[in-house]
Amino acid sequence: MAWPGLDIDLIRRQWPIAGALLSEGDFLSQDGNTATVHAGPLVTMTERPIQALAVTAGWRRTETSQTL
């Protein structure tokens, strides 16, 4: 990934960016959809598709009742 203007202080092992000072070991996260970079870990959300799970459960019940 090209990053024009990237200025890492190799002696202090720090990187000033957007008013913040990141140090070696700090978290950086990249949003896979937008390619934006964020200081710190991103909060992830897991969606539980209740409606789709109910449909597949219905298929399973139908299949089970037909094999008995």
N, C-alpha and C. Protein backbone atom coordinates (compact mmCIF):
# COMPACT_ATOMS: atom_id res chain seq x y z
N MET A 1 0.85 -1.16 0.00
CA MET A 1 0.00 0.00 0.00
C MET A 1 0.90 1.22 0.00
N ALA A 2 0.71 2.14 -0.89
CA ALA A 2 1.49 3.38 -0.95
C ALA A 2 0.93 4.36 0.07
N TRP A 3 1.81 5.05 0.76
CA TRP A 3 1.37 6.02 1.76
C TRP A 3 2.26 7.25 1.68
N PRO A 4 1.95 8.19 0.77
CA PRO A 4 2.76 9.40 0.64
C PRO A 4 2.78 10.19 1.95
N GLY A 5 3.93 10.69 2.31
CA GLY A 5 4.05 11.50 3.52
C GLY A 5 4.19 10.70 4.80
N LEU A 6 4.29 9.39 4.70
CA LEU A 6 4.47 8.56 5.88
C LEU A 6 5.81 8.91 6.52
N ASP A 7 5.79 9.30 7.79
CA ASP A 7 7.00 9.76 8.46
C ASP A 7 7.14 9.06 9.80
N ILE A 8 7.78 7.90 9.79
CA ILE A 8 7.96 7.13 11.01
C ILE A 8 9.30 7.48 11.64
N ASP A 9 9.29 7.79 12.94
CA ASP A 9 10.51 8.05 13.69
C ASP A 9 11.07 6.69 14.11
N LEU A 10 12.09 6.22 13.40
CA LEU A 10 12.61 4.88 13.65
C LEU A 10 13.36 4.78 14.98
N ILE A 11 13.90 5.89 15.47
CA ILE A 11 14.62 5.87 16.75
C ILE A 11 13.62 5.76 17.91
N ARG A 12 12.61 6.60 17.91
CA ARG A 12 11.60 6.58 18.98
C ARG A 12 10.52 5.52 18.74
N ARG A 13 10.50 5.01 17.51
CA ARG A 13 9.49 4.03 17.10
C ARG A 13 8.08 4.59 17.29
N GLN A 14 7.90 5.81 16.75
CA GLN A 14 6.62 6.50 16.83
C GLN A 14 6.23 7.05 15.47
N TRP A 15 4.95 7.35 15.35
CA TRP A 15 4.42 7.82 14.07
C TRP A 15 3.35 8.87 14.35
N PRO A 16 3.65 10.14 14.07
CA PRO A 16 2.62 11.17 14.25
C PRO A 16 1.66 11.18 13.06
N ILE A 17 0.37 11.15 13.36
CA ILE A 17 -0.63 11.18 12.29
C ILE A 17 -1.92 11.80 12.82
N ALA A 18 -2.45 12.73 12.08
CA ALA A 18 -3.75 13.37 12.36
C ALA A 18 -3.86 13.84 13.81
N GLY A 19 -2.80 14.43 14.33
CA GLY A 19 -2.84 14.97 15.69
C GLY A 19 -2.61 13.94 16.78
N ALA A 20 -2.42 12.71 16.42
CA ALA A 20 -2.17 11.65 17.40
C ALA A 20 -0.73 11.15 17.23
N LEU A 21 -0.21 10.53 18.27
CA LEU A 21 1.12 9.96 18.21
C LEU A 21 0.99 8.47 18.50
N LEU A 22 1.22 7.66 17.49
CA LEU A 22 1.14 6.22 17.65
C LEU A 22 2.53 5.67 17.91
N SER A 23 2.60 4.69 18.78
CA SER A 23 3.87 4.07 19.12
C SER A 23 3.86 2.61 18.71
N GLU A 24 5.05 2.05 18.62
CA GLU A 24 5.17 0.64 18.28
C GLU A 24 4.32 -0.18 19.24
N GLY A 25 3.51 -1.07 18.70
CA GLY A 25 2.63 -1.90 19.51
C GLY A 25 1.20 -1.39 19.59
N ASP A 26 0.97 -0.12 19.21
CA ASP A 26 -0.39 0.41 19.20
C ASP A 26 -1.19 -0.26 18.08
N PHE A 27 -2.49 -0.36 18.29
CA PHE A 27 -3.35 -0.96 17.28
C PHE A 27 -3.65 0.02 16.15
N LEU A 28 -3.62 -0.50 14.93
CA LEU A 28 -4.14 0.20 13.75
C LEU A 28 -5.13 -0.75 13.11
N SER A 29 -6.23 -0.23 12.66
CA SER A 29 -7.23 -1.05 11.99
C SER A 29 -7.56 -0.43 10.64
N GLN A 30 -7.82 -1.28 9.66
CA GLN A 30 -8.22 -0.80 8.35
C GLN A 30 -9.62 -1.31 8.05
N ASP A 31 -10.50 -0.39 7.67
CA ASP A 31 -11.85 -0.74 7.27
C ASP A 31 -11.77 -1.37 5.87
N GLY A 32 -12.15 -2.61 5.77
CA GLY A 32 -12.06 -3.32 4.49
C GLY A 32 -12.99 -2.79 3.42
N ASN A 33 -14.05 -2.10 3.81
CA ASN A 33 -14.99 -1.56 2.83
C ASN A 33 -14.53 -0.22 2.27
N THR A 34 -13.96 0.63 3.14
CA THR A 34 -13.61 1.98 2.71
C THR A 34 -12.11 2.20 2.60
N ALA A 35 -11.31 1.27 3.11
CA ALA A 35 -9.85 1.36 3.14
C ALA A 35 -9.35 2.47 4.05
N THR A 36 -10.22 3.01 4.91
CA THR A 36 -9.77 4.02 5.86
C THR A 36 -9.02 3.34 7.00
N VAL A 37 -8.03 4.06 7.54
CA VAL A 37 -7.22 3.53 8.63
C VAL A 37 -7.61 4.23 9.91
N HIS A 38 -7.73 3.48 11.00
CA HIS A 38 -8.17 4.00 12.28
C HIS A 38 -7.15 3.63 13.35
N ALA A 39 -6.90 4.55 14.28
CA ALA A 39 -6.06 4.23 15.44
C ALA A 39 -6.90 3.42 16.40
N GLY A 40 -6.36 2.32 16.88
CA GLY A 40 -7.06 1.46 17.82
C GLY A 40 -7.83 0.37 17.11
N PRO A 41 -8.26 -0.62 17.87
CA PRO A 41 -9.03 -1.71 17.27
C PRO A 41 -10.45 -1.26 16.93
N LEU A 42 -10.97 -1.76 15.84
CA LEU A 42 -12.35 -1.46 15.46
C LEU A 42 -13.30 -2.38 16.23
N VAL A 43 -14.44 -1.85 16.58
CA VAL A 43 -15.47 -2.66 17.21
C VAL A 43 -16.18 -3.42 16.10
N THR A 44 -16.28 -4.71 16.26
CA THR A 44 -16.97 -5.51 15.26
C THR A 44 -18.36 -5.86 15.76
N MET A 45 -19.26 -6.02 14.84
CA MET A 45 -20.63 -6.37 15.17
C MET A 45 -20.97 -7.68 14.47
N THR A 46 -21.57 -8.58 15.20
CA THR A 46 -22.01 -9.84 14.62
C THR A 46 -23.52 -9.82 14.57
N GLU A 47 -24.06 -10.04 13.40
CA GLU A 47 -25.50 -10.04 13.22
C GLU A 47 -26.00 -11.48 13.26
N ARG A 48 -27.05 -11.71 13.99
CA ARG A 48 -27.66 -13.04 14.03
C ARG A 48 -28.94 -12.97 13.19
N PRO A 49 -28.92 -13.62 12.03
CA PRO A 49 -30.07 -13.53 11.10
C PRO A 49 -31.23 -14.42 11.56
N ILE A 50 -31.99 -13.91 12.51
CA ILE A 50 -33.07 -14.68 13.14
C ILE A 50 -34.06 -15.23 12.12
N GLN A 51 -34.47 -14.41 11.17
CA GLN A 51 -35.47 -14.86 10.19
C GLN A 51 -34.92 -15.99 9.32
N ALA A 52 -33.69 -15.86 8.85
CA ALA A 52 -33.09 -16.91 8.01
C ALA A 52 -32.90 -18.20 8.83
N LEU A 53 -32.54 -18.08 10.08
CA LEU A 53 -32.38 -19.26 10.93
C LEU A 53 -33.71 -19.97 11.14
N ALA A 54 -34.78 -19.20 11.27
CA ALA A 54 -36.11 -19.79 11.43
C ALA A 54 -36.52 -20.57 10.17
N VAL A 55 -36.20 -20.04 9.00
CA VAL A 55 -36.52 -20.73 7.74
C VAL A 55 -35.77 -22.05 7.66
N THR A 56 -34.48 -22.04 7.95
CA THR A 56 -33.71 -23.28 7.87
C THR A 56 -34.15 -24.28 8.94
N ALA A 57 -34.56 -23.80 10.10
CA ALA A 57 -35.08 -24.71 11.13
C ALA A 57 -36.36 -25.38 10.63
N GLY A 58 -37.20 -24.63 9.91
CA GLY A 58 -38.41 -25.20 9.32
C GLY A 58 -38.08 -26.28 8.30
N TRP A 59 -37.06 -26.06 7.49
CA TRP A 59 -36.64 -27.08 6.52
C TRP A 59 -36.20 -28.35 7.25
N ARG A 60 -35.45 -28.15 8.33
CA ARG A 60 -34.94 -29.30 9.09
C ARG A 60 -36.11 -30.09 9.68
N ARG A 61 -37.12 -29.38 10.24
CA ARG A 61 -38.29 -30.08 10.79
C ARG A 61 -39.04 -30.84 9.71
N THR A 62 -39.20 -30.23 8.55
CA THR A 62 -39.89 -30.87 7.43
C THR A 62 -39.13 -32.11 6.99
N GLU A 63 -37.84 -32.01 6.85
CA GLU A 63 -37.00 -33.14 6.42
C GLU A 63 -37.06 -34.26 7.44
N THR A 64 -37.01 -33.93 8.72
CA THR A 64 -37.04 -34.94 9.78
C THR A 64 -38.38 -35.67 9.80
N SER A 65 -39.48 -34.93 9.64
CA SER A 65 -40.81 -35.56 9.68
C SER A 65 -41.04 -36.45 8.46
N GLN A 66 -40.43 -36.17 7.34
CA GLN A 66 -40.61 -36.97 6.13
C GLN A 66 -39.81 -38.25 6.19
N THR A 67 -38.74 -38.30 6.97
CA THR A 67 -37.93 -39.51 7.02
C THR A 67 -38.40 -40.47 8.10
N LEU A 68 -39.36 -40.07 8.94
CA LEU A 68 -39.84 -40.98 10.01
C LEU A 68 -40.90 -41.88 9.54
